[in-house]
Amino acid sequence: MKTRYWIGLFGILLLICAALSLWLLWPQPEADQIQIICDGEVLHTLSLSEDQELTITSAYGTNTVTIQDGKVAVTTADCPDHICQDRGWCTAAPDIVCLPNRLQIHFLDTQAQDAIVQ
């Protein structure tokens, strides 16, 4: 009885891991706009087609967000872990997040939103 329990539990965990892997590896639609959110407040909505660099300074810290060639990245951050910088250049979800500085870069696909509205 114990062996069947552990085999069943292992099988369920294996299925969950496989489903999560497929979901994470499934290609996300590329966004054409981003929202820069700090501490829950939308600071900017920017197009990925226009190259620019912004420095976001808040009470929690400073991040430099760079948009170049239709991609976005956090190029500098004063947070201790630099996970936001490690994401590199992105064009689609999941969001880029800097937890210590409470910064979030959210990807918007306005073409998909227009298709839903029509």
N, C-alpha and C. Protein backbone atom coordinates (compact mmCIF):
# COMPACT_ATOMS: atom_id res chain seq x y z
N MET A 1 0.82 -1.20 0.00
CA MET A 1 0.00 0.00 0.00
C MET A 1 0.87 1.26 0.00
N LYS A 2 1.94 1.27 0.79
CA LYS A 2 2.81 2.43 0.85
C LYS A 2 3.50 2.67 -0.48
N THR A 3 3.92 1.63 -1.15
CA THR A 3 4.62 1.77 -2.43
C THR A 3 3.70 2.38 -3.47
N ARG A 4 2.46 1.93 -3.53
CA ARG A 4 1.50 2.48 -4.50
C ARG A 4 1.25 3.97 -4.23
N TYR A 5 1.19 4.34 -2.98
CA TYR A 5 0.98 5.74 -2.61
C TYR A 5 2.12 6.60 -3.14
N TRP A 6 3.35 6.19 -2.91
CA TRP A 6 4.51 6.97 -3.34
C TRP A 6 4.64 7.00 -4.85
N ILE A 7 4.34 5.92 -5.51
CA ILE A 7 4.38 5.90 -6.98
C ILE A 7 3.31 6.84 -7.54
N GLY A 8 2.12 6.82 -6.96
CA GLY A 8 1.05 7.72 -7.41
C GLY A 8 1.41 9.18 -7.18
N LEU A 9 1.96 9.47 -6.01
CA LEU A 9 2.36 10.84 -5.69
C LEU A 9 3.46 11.31 -6.63
N PHE A 10 4.43 10.45 -6.89
CA PHE A 10 5.51 10.79 -7.81
C PHE A 10 4.96 11.03 -9.21
N GLY A 11 4.01 10.22 -9.65
CA GLY A 11 3.40 10.39 -10.97
C GLY A 11 2.67 11.71 -11.09
N ILE A 12 1.93 12.08 -10.07
CA ILE A 12 1.21 13.35 -10.08
C ILE A 12 2.18 14.52 -10.13
N LEU A 13 3.23 14.47 -9.32
CA LEU A 13 4.24 15.53 -9.33
C LEU A 13 4.92 15.63 -10.69
N LEU A 14 5.19 14.49 -11.31
CA LEU A 14 5.81 14.48 -12.63
C LEU A 14 4.90 15.14 -13.67
N LEU A 15 3.60 14.85 -13.61
CA LEU A 15 2.65 15.47 -14.53
C LEU A 15 2.56 16.98 -14.32
N ILE A 16 2.57 17.41 -13.07
CA ILE A 16 2.52 18.84 -12.77
C ILE A 16 3.77 19.54 -13.30
N CYS A 17 4.92 18.93 -13.10
CA CYS A 17 6.18 19.52 -13.60
C CYS A 17 6.18 19.59 -15.13
N ALA A 18 5.69 18.56 -15.78
CA ALA A 18 5.64 18.55 -17.24
C ALA A 18 4.70 19.65 -17.75
N ALA A 19 3.53 19.79 -17.11
CA ALA A 19 2.58 20.82 -17.53
C ALA A 19 3.16 22.22 -17.32
N LEU A 20 3.83 22.45 -16.20
CA LEU A 20 4.45 23.75 -15.94
C LEU A 20 5.55 24.05 -16.95
N SER A 21 6.34 23.05 -17.28
CA SER A 21 7.41 23.23 -18.25
C SER A 21 6.85 23.62 -19.61
N LEU A 22 5.81 22.94 -20.05
CA LEU A 22 5.20 23.28 -21.33
C LEU A 22 4.62 24.69 -21.32
N TRP A 23 3.98 25.06 -20.21
CA TRP A 23 3.38 26.38 -20.12
C TRP A 23 4.46 27.47 -20.15
N LEU A 24 5.57 27.26 -19.44
CA LEU A 24 6.63 28.26 -19.40
C LEU A 24 7.39 28.35 -20.72
N LEU A 25 7.52 27.25 -21.42
CA LEU A 25 8.26 27.24 -22.67
C LEU A 25 7.41 27.60 -23.88
N TRP A 26 6.08 27.64 -23.72
CA TRP A 26 5.19 27.99 -24.82
C TRP A 26 5.47 29.42 -25.26
N PRO A 27 5.66 29.66 -26.54
CA PRO A 27 6.00 31.02 -26.98
C PRO A 27 4.87 32.01 -26.68
N GLN A 28 5.24 33.13 -26.09
CA GLN A 28 4.30 34.19 -25.76
C GLN A 28 4.25 35.16 -26.95
N PRO A 29 3.09 35.76 -27.21
CA PRO A 29 3.03 36.75 -28.28
C PRO A 29 3.88 37.96 -27.92
N GLU A 30 4.57 38.50 -28.93
CA GLU A 30 5.41 39.66 -28.67
C GLU A 30 4.55 40.89 -28.44
N ALA A 31 4.96 41.68 -27.49
CA ALA A 31 4.22 42.89 -27.14
C ALA A 31 4.71 44.05 -28.01
N ASP A 32 3.88 45.08 -28.14
CA ASP A 32 4.31 46.27 -28.85
C ASP A 32 4.36 47.49 -27.93
N GLN A 33 3.90 47.32 -26.69
CA GLN A 33 3.98 48.39 -25.69
C GLN A 33 4.31 47.79 -24.33
N ILE A 34 4.84 48.64 -23.46
CA ILE A 34 5.09 48.23 -22.08
C ILE A 34 4.51 49.29 -21.14
N GLN A 35 4.22 48.84 -19.94
CA GLN A 35 3.86 49.76 -18.86
C GLN A 35 4.93 49.64 -17.80
N ILE A 36 5.43 50.76 -17.34
CA ILE A 36 6.39 50.77 -16.24
C ILE A 36 5.60 51.14 -15.00
N ILE A 37 5.60 50.22 -14.03
CA ILE A 37 4.80 50.36 -12.82
C ILE A 37 5.75 50.37 -11.62
N CYS A 38 5.58 51.34 -10.75
CA CYS A 38 6.39 51.39 -9.54
C CYS A 38 5.46 51.49 -8.34
N ASP A 39 5.59 50.54 -7.44
CA ASP A 39 4.79 50.48 -6.22
C ASP A 39 3.29 50.52 -6.53
N GLY A 40 2.89 49.82 -7.61
CA GLY A 40 1.49 49.71 -7.98
C GLY A 40 0.95 50.86 -8.80
N GLU A 41 1.73 51.88 -9.07
CA GLU A 41 1.29 53.04 -9.84
C GLU A 41 1.93 53.02 -11.22
N VAL A 42 1.10 53.14 -12.27
CA VAL A 42 1.61 53.17 -13.65
C VAL A 42 2.29 54.51 -13.89
N LEU A 43 3.60 54.46 -14.15
CA LEU A 43 4.36 55.68 -14.39
C LEU A 43 4.41 56.06 -15.86
N HIS A 44 4.62 55.04 -16.73
CA HIS A 44 4.76 55.28 -18.17
C HIS A 44 4.13 54.14 -18.95
N THR A 45 3.58 54.47 -20.10
CA THR A 45 3.19 53.48 -21.10
C THR A 45 3.98 53.86 -22.35
N LEU A 46 4.86 52.94 -22.78
CA LEU A 46 5.81 53.26 -23.85
C LEU A 46 5.72 52.25 -24.98
N SER A 47 6.04 52.72 -26.17
CA SER A 47 6.07 51.85 -27.35
C SER A 47 7.45 51.20 -27.46
N LEU A 48 7.48 49.94 -27.84
CA LEU A 48 8.76 49.26 -28.04
C LEU A 48 9.40 49.61 -29.38
N SER A 49 8.66 50.32 -30.23
CA SER A 49 9.21 50.68 -31.54
C SER A 49 10.08 51.93 -31.48
N GLU A 50 10.09 52.62 -30.36
CA GLU A 50 10.85 53.85 -30.21
C GLU A 50 11.99 53.64 -29.21
N ASP A 51 13.23 53.74 -29.68
CA ASP A 51 14.40 53.56 -28.81
C ASP A 51 14.49 54.69 -27.79
N GLN A 52 14.66 54.33 -26.53
CA GLN A 52 14.79 55.33 -25.47
C GLN A 52 15.35 54.71 -24.21
N GLU A 53 15.76 55.58 -23.29
CA GLU A 53 16.30 55.14 -22.01
C GLU A 53 15.69 56.01 -20.92
N LEU A 54 15.16 55.36 -19.89
CA LEU A 54 14.55 56.09 -18.77
C LEU A 54 15.21 55.66 -17.47
N THR A 55 15.38 56.59 -16.58
CA THR A 55 15.86 56.29 -15.24
C THR A 55 14.68 56.47 -14.30
N ILE A 56 14.29 55.40 -13.64
CA ILE A 56 13.17 55.41 -12.71
C ILE A 56 13.74 55.46 -11.30
N THR A 57 13.46 56.55 -10.60
CA THR A 57 13.94 56.73 -9.23
C THR A 57 12.73 56.82 -8.31
N SER A 58 12.79 56.02 -7.26
CA SER A 58 11.71 56.05 -6.26
C SER A 58 12.35 56.00 -4.88
N ALA A 59 11.51 55.94 -3.88
CA ALA A 59 12.00 55.85 -2.50
C ALA A 59 12.71 54.53 -2.25
N TYR A 60 12.48 53.54 -3.13
CA TYR A 60 13.03 52.20 -2.94
C TYR A 60 14.34 51.97 -3.68
N GLY A 61 14.62 52.79 -4.70
CA GLY A 61 15.85 52.62 -5.45
C GLY A 61 15.74 53.17 -6.86
N THR A 62 16.78 52.92 -7.65
CA THR A 62 16.87 53.46 -9.01
C THR A 62 17.12 52.33 -10.00
N ASN A 63 16.37 52.37 -11.11
CA ASN A 63 16.54 51.43 -12.21
C ASN A 63 16.62 52.22 -13.51
N THR A 64 17.45 51.76 -14.43
CA THR A 64 17.49 52.33 -15.76
C THR A 64 16.87 51.32 -16.71
N VAL A 65 15.81 51.75 -17.41
CA VAL A 65 15.09 50.90 -18.35
C VAL A 65 15.45 51.38 -19.75
N THR A 66 15.92 50.45 -20.60
CA THR A 66 16.33 50.78 -21.95
C THR A 66 15.47 50.04 -22.95
N ILE A 67 14.95 50.77 -23.93
CA ILE A 67 14.21 50.19 -25.04
C ILE A 67 15.06 50.37 -26.29
N GLN A 68 15.33 49.25 -26.97
CA GLN A 68 16.19 49.30 -28.15
C GLN A 68 15.83 48.17 -29.08
N ASP A 69 15.63 48.46 -30.35
CA ASP A 69 15.34 47.47 -31.39
C ASP A 69 14.13 46.60 -31.05
N GLY A 70 13.10 47.20 -30.47
CA GLY A 70 11.88 46.46 -30.16
C GLY A 70 11.97 45.57 -28.93
N LYS A 71 13.02 45.75 -28.14
CA LYS A 71 13.22 44.96 -26.92
C LYS A 71 13.43 45.90 -25.74
N VAL A 72 13.18 45.38 -24.55
CA VAL A 72 13.34 46.19 -23.34
C VAL A 72 14.19 45.40 -22.34
N ALA A 73 14.98 46.15 -21.56
CA ALA A 73 15.80 45.54 -20.52
C ALA A 73 16.03 46.54 -19.40
N VAL A 74 16.24 46.03 -18.22
CA VAL A 74 16.72 46.85 -17.11
C VAL A 74 18.24 46.79 -17.21
N THR A 75 18.86 47.90 -17.60
CA THR A 75 20.30 47.89 -17.85
C THR A 75 21.13 48.20 -16.62
N THR A 76 20.57 48.98 -15.68
CA THR A 76 21.26 49.19 -14.40
C THR A 76 20.22 49.21 -13.29
N ALA A 77 20.63 48.74 -12.13
CA ALA A 77 19.75 48.72 -10.96
C ALA A 77 20.62 48.77 -9.71
N ASP A 78 20.15 49.48 -8.70
CA ASP A 78 20.91 49.54 -7.46
C ASP A 78 20.40 48.56 -6.40
N CYS A 79 19.58 47.60 -6.84
CA CYS A 79 19.09 46.57 -5.91
C CYS A 79 20.21 45.58 -5.61
N PRO A 80 20.12 44.84 -4.50
CA PRO A 80 21.22 43.95 -4.11
C PRO A 80 21.35 42.69 -4.96
N ASP A 81 20.27 42.20 -5.58
CA ASP A 81 20.34 40.91 -6.26
C ASP A 81 20.47 40.98 -7.78
N HIS A 82 20.07 42.06 -8.41
CA HIS A 82 20.18 42.29 -9.86
C HIS A 82 19.47 41.23 -10.70
N ILE A 83 18.44 40.62 -10.17
CA ILE A 83 17.68 39.63 -10.93
C ILE A 83 16.99 40.30 -12.12
N CYS A 84 16.55 41.54 -11.94
CA CYS A 84 15.89 42.27 -13.03
C CYS A 84 16.85 42.46 -14.21
N GLN A 85 18.11 42.70 -13.95
CA GLN A 85 19.11 42.85 -15.00
C GLN A 85 19.41 41.51 -15.66
N ASP A 86 19.37 40.45 -14.90
CA ASP A 86 19.68 39.12 -15.42
C ASP A 86 18.66 38.65 -16.45
N ARG A 87 17.45 39.22 -16.45
CA ARG A 87 16.43 38.84 -17.45
C ARG A 87 16.89 39.16 -18.86
N GLY A 88 17.73 40.18 -19.01
CA GLY A 88 18.24 40.54 -20.34
C GLY A 88 17.18 41.25 -21.17
N TRP A 89 17.34 41.16 -22.50
CA TRP A 89 16.45 41.85 -23.44
C TRP A 89 15.23 41.00 -23.68
N CYS A 90 14.04 41.58 -23.49
CA CYS A 90 12.78 40.85 -23.58
C CYS A 90 11.82 41.54 -24.54
N THR A 91 10.96 40.73 -25.16
CA THR A 91 9.93 41.27 -26.04
C THR A 91 8.53 40.81 -25.64
N ALA A 92 8.46 39.91 -24.66
CA ALA A 92 7.16 39.35 -24.28
C ALA A 92 7.19 38.93 -22.82
N ALA A 93 5.98 38.54 -22.35
CA ALA A 93 5.79 38.09 -20.97
C ALA A 93 6.67 36.89 -20.69
N PRO A 94 6.97 36.62 -19.45
CA PRO A 94 6.50 37.22 -18.21
C PRO A 94 7.16 38.57 -17.93
N ASP A 95 6.53 39.32 -17.08
CA ASP A 95 6.97 40.68 -16.75
C ASP A 95 8.38 40.68 -16.17
N ILE A 96 9.06 41.80 -16.36
CA ILE A 96 10.35 42.03 -15.70
C ILE A 96 10.02 42.69 -14.36
N VAL A 97 10.55 42.14 -13.28
CA VAL A 97 10.20 42.63 -11.94
C VAL A 97 11.47 42.84 -11.13
N CYS A 98 11.54 43.97 -10.45
CA CYS A 98 12.59 44.25 -9.48
C CYS A 98 11.89 44.40 -8.12
N LEU A 99 11.87 43.33 -7.36
CA LEU A 99 11.15 43.33 -6.08
C LEU A 99 11.71 44.33 -5.07
N PRO A 100 13.05 44.41 -4.88
CA PRO A 100 13.54 45.37 -3.88
C PRO A 100 13.16 46.82 -4.20
N ASN A 101 13.13 47.17 -5.50
CA ASN A 101 12.80 48.54 -5.90
C ASN A 101 11.33 48.72 -6.25
N ARG A 102 10.55 47.63 -6.13
CA ARG A 102 9.11 47.64 -6.41
C ARG A 102 8.80 48.14 -7.81
N LEU A 103 9.61 47.70 -8.78
CA LEU A 103 9.44 48.09 -10.17
C LEU A 103 8.95 46.90 -10.97
N GLN A 104 8.01 47.14 -11.87
CA GLN A 104 7.48 46.09 -12.75
C GLN A 104 7.38 46.65 -14.16
N ILE A 105 7.85 45.87 -15.13
CA ILE A 105 7.68 46.22 -16.53
C ILE A 105 6.70 45.21 -17.10
N HIS A 106 5.50 45.69 -17.41
CA HIS A 106 4.40 44.84 -17.87
C HIS A 106 4.26 44.98 -19.38
N PHE A 107 4.19 43.85 -20.08
CA PHE A 107 4.08 43.85 -21.54
C PHE A 107 2.62 43.93 -21.96
N LEU A 108 2.33 44.82 -22.92
CA LEU A 108 0.98 45.00 -23.45
C LEU A 108 0.98 44.61 -24.92
N ASP A 109 0.02 43.80 -25.31
CA ASP A 109 -0.15 43.44 -26.71
C ASP A 109 -1.42 44.14 -27.20
N THR A 110 -1.26 45.35 -27.70
CA THR A 110 -2.43 46.14 -28.09
C THR A 110 -3.12 45.55 -29.31
N GLN A 111 -2.41 44.83 -30.17
CA GLN A 111 -3.03 44.21 -31.34
C GLN A 111 -4.03 43.15 -30.89
N ALA A 112 -3.67 42.35 -29.90
CA ALA A 112 -4.58 41.31 -29.39
C ALA A 112 -5.78 41.96 -28.69
N GLN A 113 -5.55 43.06 -27.97
CA GLN A 113 -6.65 43.75 -27.30
C GLN A 113 -7.61 44.34 -28.32
N ASP A 114 -7.08 44.89 -29.44
CA ASP A 114 -7.94 45.43 -30.50
C ASP A 114 -8.79 44.32 -31.13
N ALA A 115 -8.22 43.14 -31.31
CA ALA A 115 -8.95 42.02 -31.90
C ALA A 115 -10.08 41.56 -30.98
N ILE A 116 -9.87 41.61 -29.68
CA ILE A 116 -10.90 41.21 -28.72
C ILE A 116 -12.04 42.22 -28.72
N VAL A 117 -11.73 43.50 -28.80
CA VAL A 117 -12.74 44.55 -28.76
C VAL A 117 -13.62 44.51 -30.00
N GLN A 118 -13.04 44.22 -31.16
CA GLN A 118 -13.80 44.24 -32.41
C GLN A 118 -14.65 43.04 -32.56
